[in-house]
Amino acid sequence: MKKLNFKSNLLSTLPNIENLDNICKELYLLNFQQEGNTYIRKYKPKIQNISEIAQKITINEKLNLSEFKNNINLFNFCGDIFSTALLDTYLKYQPLPLSAQKQELIESAARMNNFKLNEAECIYIEQNVKPTNNNLCLEPNLSSQFSTELHYNQKSRLTLGESQIEDQYTHKAFGSALLQISHLSYHSIDLDLSLRMHFENKQIITQKLLNKVKRYQYCFTIPYRLNNTDFSQHGFIVTLKGKNITPEKISKLFGTKYTAYAGITIASGIAKGKIETINKTFLQKNKIKTEISENYLEENIGNFIFDPGKKELKDGHWTTENIGRINTFNGELVMLVFPILQTFNIKHK
């Protein structure tokens, strides 16, 4: 594993965020408060960068796999679901609908989340910033550093997710990045700019955009152990094939009301996505234009996050290479999904 592996020249340095260790320690000293089906504790540090960090644990529902299979039929999809613990047994009878290389990737990831009580979790980071020449890029290392500090540097975790830039006033997205961070004792980044960051082209940056924007990350992490080859007891393998597969339909397959889940996706087929852009007209007026992306995906790697407790994720959130955020998909999809044990929300000034 390379220490640093950038697919984008937007990232040239990885600044360490100070005081994260103290923030996490102070959070763990607080008591939980019950709010409905969840337990929450929040800490507001008196430092410059972080305004609040909150930890939420939801009483997980038991997933009904029979209901999942019924829902597949309701949407006229073909597919199946089974526990990651049964992957070896499944592969004795048939391979996954993937190439040998991608099947090996799913197998490896299915062996990661193998701690008895150490399940997957989500980290959501929101940041309101005034861009300068030094901080135009996203800071994907922030989620990785938080994960490291939250676990006292004792456990290795794989972080996957999405980073976005949006206008604070119009809430239009101006960039999408597929994010993958692996770390043992250091941070290793693989950042694929699925859709171009518009700060890359300074000609279309307007003064209004320069005033303030919002950056955010939706990430999930799963623990892994290189010397443990047991399959996870927590995850699920999902295969889907059909037309007009949408994030919302995927999120409804499980039928959970409170439990969030997230996973790795490998997709082959026609995918459509969209992103907003700003074009400066001849009369110097800004024109919002929607770019529709349509690409054929050949076993493209992505991630899927569903969280009924977060407005932006309650209808599912699917991001993959070459498209960015997917709206509709026609083809075949393999997912490795983990229910989320806990969620961390970080507001970063």
Protein backbone atom coordinates (compact mmCIF):
# COMPACT_ATOMS: atom_id res chain seq x y z
CA MET A 1 0.00 0.00 0.00
CA LYS A 2 1.42 3.36 -1.00
CA LYS A 3 1.48 6.05 1.62
CA LEU A 4 0.08 8.63 -0.77
CA ASN A 5 -1.58 7.90 -4.09
CA PHE A 6 -3.32 10.86 -5.70
CA LYS A 7 -5.47 10.56 -8.77
CA SER A 8 -6.00 14.33 -8.69
CA ASN A 9 -3.46 17.13 -8.73
CA LEU A 10 -5.87 19.17 -6.59
CA LEU A 11 -4.34 17.50 -3.56
CA SER A 12 -0.71 18.32 -3.04
CA THR A 13 -0.46 18.29 0.73
CA LEU A 14 -2.23 16.59 3.61
CA PRO A 15 -2.41 18.99 6.52
CA ASN A 16 -3.00 17.39 9.90
CA ILE A 17 -5.97 18.80 11.78
CA GLU A 18 -4.90 19.80 15.27
CA ASN A 19 -6.63 18.92 18.55
CA LEU A 20 -8.67 16.03 17.16
CA ASP A 21 -7.35 13.70 19.85
CA ASN A 22 -8.54 15.99 22.64
CA ILE A 23 -11.96 16.49 21.03
CA CYS A 24 -12.57 12.74 20.79
CA LYS A 25 -11.45 12.14 24.37
CA GLU A 26 -13.77 14.85 25.67
CA LEU A 27 -16.68 13.42 23.67
CA TYR A 28 -16.21 9.99 25.27
CA LEU A 29 -16.38 11.52 28.76
CA LEU A 30 -19.98 12.68 28.21
CA ASN A 31 -23.16 10.72 28.93
CA PHE A 32 -25.66 9.66 26.27
CA GLN A 33 -29.15 11.13 26.12
CA GLN A 34 -31.96 9.03 24.68
CA GLU A 35 -33.97 10.58 21.86
CA GLY A 36 -36.59 8.16 20.56
CA ASN A 37 -34.86 5.15 19.06
CA THR A 38 -31.37 6.65 19.32
CA TYR A 39 -28.80 7.57 21.95
CA ILE A 40 -26.89 10.80 21.34
CA ARG A 41 -24.07 12.73 22.97
CA LYS A 42 -22.60 16.01 21.70
CA TYR A 43 -19.47 17.99 22.46
CA LYS A 44 -18.83 21.60 21.47
CA PRO A 45 -15.10 22.25 21.77
CA LYS A 46 -13.78 25.74 22.37
CA ILE A 47 -11.30 25.68 19.51
CA GLN A 48 -11.09 27.37 16.17
CA ASN A 49 -11.76 24.57 13.67
CA ILE A 50 -14.48 22.30 15.09
CA SER A 51 -17.80 23.71 16.30
CA GLU A 52 -19.47 20.40 17.27
CA ILE A 53 -19.00 16.66 17.21
CA ALA A 54 -21.93 14.33 17.91
CA GLN A 55 -22.11 10.58 18.35
CA LYS A 56 -25.36 8.73 17.62
CA ILE A 57 -26.10 5.06 18.29
CA THR A 58 -29.35 3.64 16.94
CA ILE A 59 -31.05 0.54 18.31
CA ASN A 60 -30.62 -1.59 15.22
CA GLU A 61 -33.49 -3.47 13.64
CA LYS A 62 -33.09 -7.05 12.52
CA LEU A 63 -32.97 -7.19 8.75
CA ASN A 64 -35.63 -9.41 7.21
CA LEU A 65 -33.98 -11.10 4.23
CA SER A 66 -37.27 -12.63 3.05
CA GLU A 67 -38.78 -9.15 2.87
CA PHE A 68 -35.73 -7.99 0.94
CA LYS A 69 -36.24 -10.72 -1.68
CA ASN A 70 -39.95 -9.84 -1.93
CA ASN A 71 -39.05 -6.18 -2.52
CA ILE A 72 -36.67 -7.18 -5.32
CA ASN A 73 -39.64 -8.76 -7.12
CA LEU A 74 -41.82 -5.69 -6.49
CA PHE A 75 -39.35 -3.54 -8.43
CA ASN A 76 -39.04 -6.18 -11.19
CA PHE A 77 -35.34 -6.69 -10.42
CA CYS A 78 -33.48 -9.98 -10.47
CA GLY A 79 -31.18 -10.60 -7.56
CA ASP A 80 -30.35 -12.17 -4.23
CA ILE A 81 -29.01 -11.39 -0.76
CA PHE A 82 -27.02 -13.53 1.67
CA SER A 83 -24.77 -13.05 4.68
CA THR A 84 -21.05 -12.46 4.11
CA ALA A 85 -20.45 -15.37 6.49
CA LEU A 86 -21.89 -17.63 3.77
CA LEU A 87 -19.76 -16.28 0.92
CA ASP A 88 -17.46 -19.34 0.81
CA THR A 89 -20.47 -21.65 0.61
CA TYR A 90 -22.06 -19.51 -2.15
CA LEU A 91 -18.87 -19.51 -4.24
CA LYS A 92 -18.68 -23.32 -4.15
CA TYR A 93 -21.79 -23.43 -6.34
CA GLN A 94 -21.44 -20.31 -8.49
CA PRO A 95 -19.21 -17.26 -8.86
CA LEU A 96 -20.43 -13.72 -8.32
CA PRO A 97 -21.37 -11.94 -11.60
CA LEU A 98 -17.94 -10.31 -11.64
CA SER A 99 -14.50 -10.78 -13.11
CA ALA A 100 -12.04 -12.77 -11.00
CA GLN A 101 -10.25 -9.56 -9.98
CA LYS A 102 -13.40 -7.80 -8.77
CA GLN A 103 -14.68 -10.95 -7.04
CA GLU A 104 -11.40 -11.07 -5.12
CA LEU A 105 -11.96 -7.44 -4.08
CA ILE A 106 -15.41 -8.30 -2.68
CA GLU A 107 -13.97 -11.36 -0.91
CA SER A 108 -11.20 -9.27 0.67
CA ALA A 109 -13.61 -6.58 1.85
CA ALA A 110 -16.00 -9.22 3.20
CA ARG A 111 -13.21 -10.45 5.49
CA MET A 112 -12.52 -6.99 6.90
CA ASN A 113 -15.35 -6.40 9.30
CA ASN A 114 -14.54 -9.41 11.45
CA PHE A 115 -14.45 -8.09 15.01
CA LYS A 116 -17.14 -9.45 17.28
CA LEU A 117 -18.46 -6.08 18.46
CA ASN A 118 -16.66 -3.70 16.12
CA GLU A 119 -19.04 -2.96 13.27
CA ALA A 120 -19.26 -0.38 10.50
CA GLU A 121 -19.91 3.29 11.22
CA CYS A 122 -20.54 6.53 9.35
CA ILE A 123 -18.75 9.86 9.61
CA TYR A 124 -20.48 12.96 8.24
CA ILE A 125 -18.46 16.16 8.00
CA GLU A 126 -19.90 19.58 7.15
CA GLN A 127 -17.71 22.59 6.61
CA ASN A 128 -18.52 26.21 5.72
CA VAL A 129 -15.45 27.83 4.26
CA LYS A 130 -14.19 30.90 2.46
CA PRO A 131 -11.96 29.48 -0.26
CA THR A 132 -8.41 30.71 -0.67
CA ASN A 133 -5.59 29.53 -2.86
CA ASN A 134 -4.46 27.28 -0.01
CA ASN A 135 -7.73 25.50 0.77
CA LEU A 136 -9.59 25.06 -2.51
CA CYS A 137 -9.25 21.30 -2.28
CA LEU A 138 -11.37 19.10 -0.09
CA GLU A 139 -9.77 17.64 2.99
CA PRO A 140 -10.48 13.92 2.73
CA ASN A 141 -7.85 13.22 5.36
CA LEU A 142 -10.11 14.82 7.99
CA SER A 143 -12.49 11.84 8.05
CA SER A 144 -9.52 9.47 8.15
CA GLN A 145 -7.93 11.34 11.05
CA PHE A 146 -11.21 11.39 12.95
CA SER A 147 -11.57 7.66 12.49
CA THR A 148 -8.05 7.09 13.75
CA GLU A 149 -8.55 9.24 16.85
CA LEU A 150 -11.99 7.83 17.63
CA HIS A 151 -10.42 4.40 17.87
CA TYR A 152 -7.29 5.47 19.74
CA ASN A 153 -5.06 4.37 16.86
CA GLN A 154 -5.56 0.74 17.89
CA LYS A 155 -7.69 -0.53 15.02
CA SER A 156 -7.24 -0.37 11.27
CA ARG A 157 -10.17 0.83 9.22
CA LEU A 158 -11.04 1.34 5.56
CA THR A 159 -12.90 4.57 4.83
CA LEU A 160 -15.04 5.02 1.71
CA GLY A 161 -17.44 7.75 0.71
CA GLU A 162 -18.05 10.96 -1.17
CA SER A 163 -16.86 14.55 -0.94
CA GLN A 164 -18.77 17.48 -2.40
CA ILE A 165 -18.62 21.23 -2.80
CA GLU A 166 -21.86 23.19 -2.94
CA ASP A 167 -22.91 26.83 -3.00
CA GLN A 168 -24.03 27.84 0.49
CA TYR A 169 -26.88 29.98 -0.84
CA THR A 170 -28.29 27.96 -3.75
CA HIS A 171 -27.23 24.51 -2.43
CA LYS A 172 -26.16 23.58 -5.94
CA ALA A 173 -23.37 21.02 -6.11
CA PHE A 174 -20.24 22.11 -7.95
CA GLY A 175 -18.11 19.00 -7.71
CA SER A 176 -18.16 15.38 -6.72
CA ALA A 177 -15.26 13.20 -5.60
CA LEU A 178 -15.25 9.51 -4.91
CA LEU A 179 -13.23 9.03 -1.76
CA GLN A 180 -11.31 6.04 -0.47
CA ILE A 181 -8.94 6.23 2.46
CA SER A 182 -7.11 3.20 3.81
CA HIS A 183 -4.93 3.58 6.84
CA LEU A 184 -2.92 1.47 9.20
CA SER A 185 -0.56 3.78 11.05
CA TYR A 186 -0.77 6.43 8.34
CA HIS A 187 -3.26 7.85 5.83
CA SER A 188 -3.31 6.49 2.30
CA ILE A 189 -5.62 8.25 -0.12
CA ASP A 190 -7.17 7.26 -3.41
CA LEU A 191 -9.31 10.20 -4.56
CA ASP A 192 -11.03 9.86 -7.90
CA LEU A 193 -12.57 13.09 -9.16
CA SER A 194 -15.59 11.49 -10.78
CA LEU A 195 -16.86 14.91 -11.81
CA ARG A 196 -14.52 17.87 -12.22
CA MET A 197 -14.17 20.28 -9.32
CA HIS A 198 -15.12 23.67 -10.68
CA PHE A 199 -12.51 25.47 -8.63
CA GLU A 200 -10.12 23.77 -11.01
CA ASN A 201 -11.19 26.24 -13.71
CA LYS A 202 -10.72 29.70 -12.22
CA GLN A 203 -12.38 31.40 -15.20
CA ILE A 204 -15.86 30.39 -14.09
CA ILE A 205 -15.44 31.29 -10.42
CA THR A 206 -17.64 34.26 -9.58
CA GLN A 207 -17.28 36.62 -6.65
CA LYS A 208 -20.42 35.20 -5.07
CA LEU A 209 -18.96 31.73 -5.18
CA LEU A 210 -15.73 32.99 -3.69
CA ASN A 211 -17.56 34.49 -0.71
CA LYS A 212 -18.51 31.21 0.88
CA VAL A 213 -19.22 27.62 -0.04
CA LYS A 214 -20.08 24.48 1.83
CA ARG A 215 -17.99 21.34 1.70
CA TYR A 216 -19.11 18.02 3.06
CA GLN A 217 -18.19 14.37 3.22
CA TYR A 218 -20.40 11.34 3.68
CA CYS A 219 -18.14 8.46 4.64
CA PHE A 220 -18.41 5.05 6.22
CA THR A 221 -15.64 3.00 7.76
CA ILE A 222 -15.19 -0.71 8.30
CA PRO A 223 -12.50 -2.29 10.50
CA TYR A 224 -10.07 -4.77 9.05
CA ARG A 225 -7.31 -7.06 10.19
CA LEU A 226 -4.71 -8.27 7.74
CA ASN A 227 -3.93 -11.44 9.69
CA ASN A 228 -7.56 -12.52 10.13
CA THR A 229 -9.17 -14.31 7.19
CA ASP A 230 -12.59 -14.94 8.76
CA PHE A 231 -15.63 -13.60 6.93
CA SER A 232 -17.66 -10.88 8.60
CA GLN A 233 -20.67 -11.86 10.69
CA HIS A 234 -22.25 -8.45 10.08
CA GLY A 235 -22.29 -7.84 6.32
CA PHE A 236 -24.46 -8.86 3.39
CA ILE A 237 -23.76 -9.56 -0.29
CA VAL A 238 -26.42 -8.19 -2.65
CA THR A 239 -26.73 -8.92 -6.38
CA LEU A 240 -29.15 -6.87 -8.49
CA LYS A 241 -29.94 -6.79 -12.19
CA GLY A 242 -32.58 -4.72 -13.93
CA LYS A 243 -33.65 -1.43 -15.45
CA ASN A 244 -34.24 1.92 -13.75
CA ILE A 245 -32.36 0.99 -10.59
CA THR A 246 -32.27 4.14 -8.43
CA PRO A 247 -30.71 4.91 -5.02
CA GLU A 248 -34.20 5.36 -3.58
CA LYS A 249 -35.31 1.92 -4.74
CA ILE A 250 -32.16 0.33 -3.34
CA SER A 251 -32.77 2.03 0.01
CA LYS A 252 -36.31 0.62 0.12
CA LEU A 253 -35.21 -2.96 -0.45
CA PHE A 254 -34.12 -3.46 3.16
CA GLY A 255 -37.26 -1.85 4.58
CA THR A 256 -35.51 -0.48 7.69
CA LYS A 257 -37.03 2.50 9.54
CA TYR A 258 -34.16 3.48 11.81
CA THR A 259 -31.04 1.53 10.85
CA ALA A 260 -28.53 3.09 8.45
CA TYR A 261 -26.35 0.95 6.20
CA ALA A 262 -23.56 1.52 3.72
CA GLY A 263 -21.49 -0.53 1.34
CA ILE A 264 -19.17 -0.99 -1.59
CA THR A 265 -20.73 -1.22 -5.07
CA ILE A 266 -19.41 -2.70 -8.31
CA ALA A 267 -21.61 -1.80 -11.30
CA SER A 268 -21.69 -2.72 -14.99
CA GLY A 269 -24.21 -1.02 -17.25
CA ILE A 270 -25.53 2.40 -18.29
CA ALA A 271 -25.53 4.99 -15.49
CA LYS A 272 -26.90 8.52 -15.50
CA GLY A 273 -26.01 11.32 -13.11
CA LYS A 274 -26.14 15.11 -13.00
CA ILE A 275 -24.32 18.05 -11.51
CA GLU A 276 -24.90 21.80 -11.51
CA THR A 277 -22.42 24.16 -13.20
CA ILE A 278 -22.08 27.93 -13.42
CA ASN A 279 -21.53 29.46 -16.85
CA LYS A 280 -20.66 33.12 -17.22
CA THR A 281 -22.63 34.62 -20.12
CA PHE A 282 -21.58 37.36 -22.51
CA LEU A 283 -23.47 39.90 -20.40
CA GLN A 284 -21.55 38.79 -17.30
CA LYS A 285 -24.59 37.15 -15.75
CA ASN A 286 -24.35 33.76 -14.13
CA LYS A 287 -26.36 30.98 -15.67
CA ILE A 288 -26.98 27.76 -13.76
CA LYS A 289 -26.77 24.79 -16.07
CA THR A 290 -27.38 21.14 -15.30
CA GLU A 291 -24.81 18.78 -16.75
CA ILE A 292 -26.23 15.34 -17.43
CA SER A 293 -23.61 12.61 -17.35
CA GLU A 294 -24.25 9.26 -18.99
CA ASN A 295 -21.59 6.59 -19.13
CA TYR A 296 -21.23 2.88 -19.64
CA LEU A 297 -19.69 1.46 -16.48
CA GLU A 298 -17.50 -1.63 -16.70
CA GLU A 299 -17.24 -2.99 -13.14
CA ASN A 300 -16.87 0.51 -11.73
CA ILE A 301 -16.26 0.74 -8.00
CA GLY A 302 -18.41 3.03 -5.89
CA ASN A 303 -20.20 3.32 -2.58
CA PHE A 304 -23.77 3.48 -1.32
CA ILE A 305 -24.99 5.12 1.90
CA PHE A 306 -28.52 5.10 3.32
CA ASP A 307 -29.38 6.84 6.59
CA PRO A 308 -33.06 7.46 7.45
CA GLY A 309 -31.95 9.87 10.18
CA LYS A 310 -30.20 12.28 7.81
CA LYS A 311 -32.25 14.28 5.32
CA GLU A 312 -29.67 14.18 2.52
CA LEU A 313 -29.26 10.39 2.77
CA LYS A 314 -32.76 9.12 3.56
CA ASP A 315 -33.46 8.29 -0.11
CA GLY A 316 -30.09 6.65 -0.65
CA HIS A 317 -26.84 8.13 -1.89
CA TRP A 318 -24.89 6.27 -4.60
CA THR A 319 -21.57 7.52 -5.98
CA THR A 320 -19.31 5.73 -8.45
CA GLU A 321 -16.36 6.32 -10.75
CA ASN A 322 -16.85 8.19 -14.06
CA ILE A 323 -20.34 9.43 -13.14
CA GLY A 324 -20.18 10.77 -9.62
CA ARG A 325 -23.60 10.62 -8.01
CA ILE A 326 -25.90 8.17 -9.81
CA ASN A 327 -29.57 8.95 -10.45
CA THR A 328 -30.60 5.94 -12.53
CA PHE A 329 -28.85 2.76 -13.62
CA ASN A 330 -29.60 -0.03 -16.08
CA GLY A 331 -27.44 -3.09 -15.66
CA GLU A 332 -25.94 -5.42 -13.07
CA LEU A 333 -24.82 -4.46 -9.59
CA VAL A 334 -23.01 -6.27 -6.76
CA MET A 335 -23.01 -4.66 -3.31
CA LEU A 336 -21.23 -5.49 -0.06
CA VAL A 337 -23.42 -3.88 2.61
CA PHE A 338 -22.90 -3.33 6.35
CA PRO A 339 -25.50 -2.09 8.86
CA ILE A 340 -24.18 0.98 10.65
CA LEU A 341 -23.49 0.60 14.37
CA GLN A 342 -22.94 4.31 15.07
CA THR A 343 -22.73 7.68 13.35
CA PHE A 344 -20.46 10.68 13.98
CA ASN A 345 -21.49 14.16 12.81
CA ILE A 346 -18.74 16.78 12.71
CA LYS A 347 -19.30 20.45 12.00
CA HIS A 348 -16.03 21.92 10.82
CA LYS A 349 -15.74 25.71 10.65
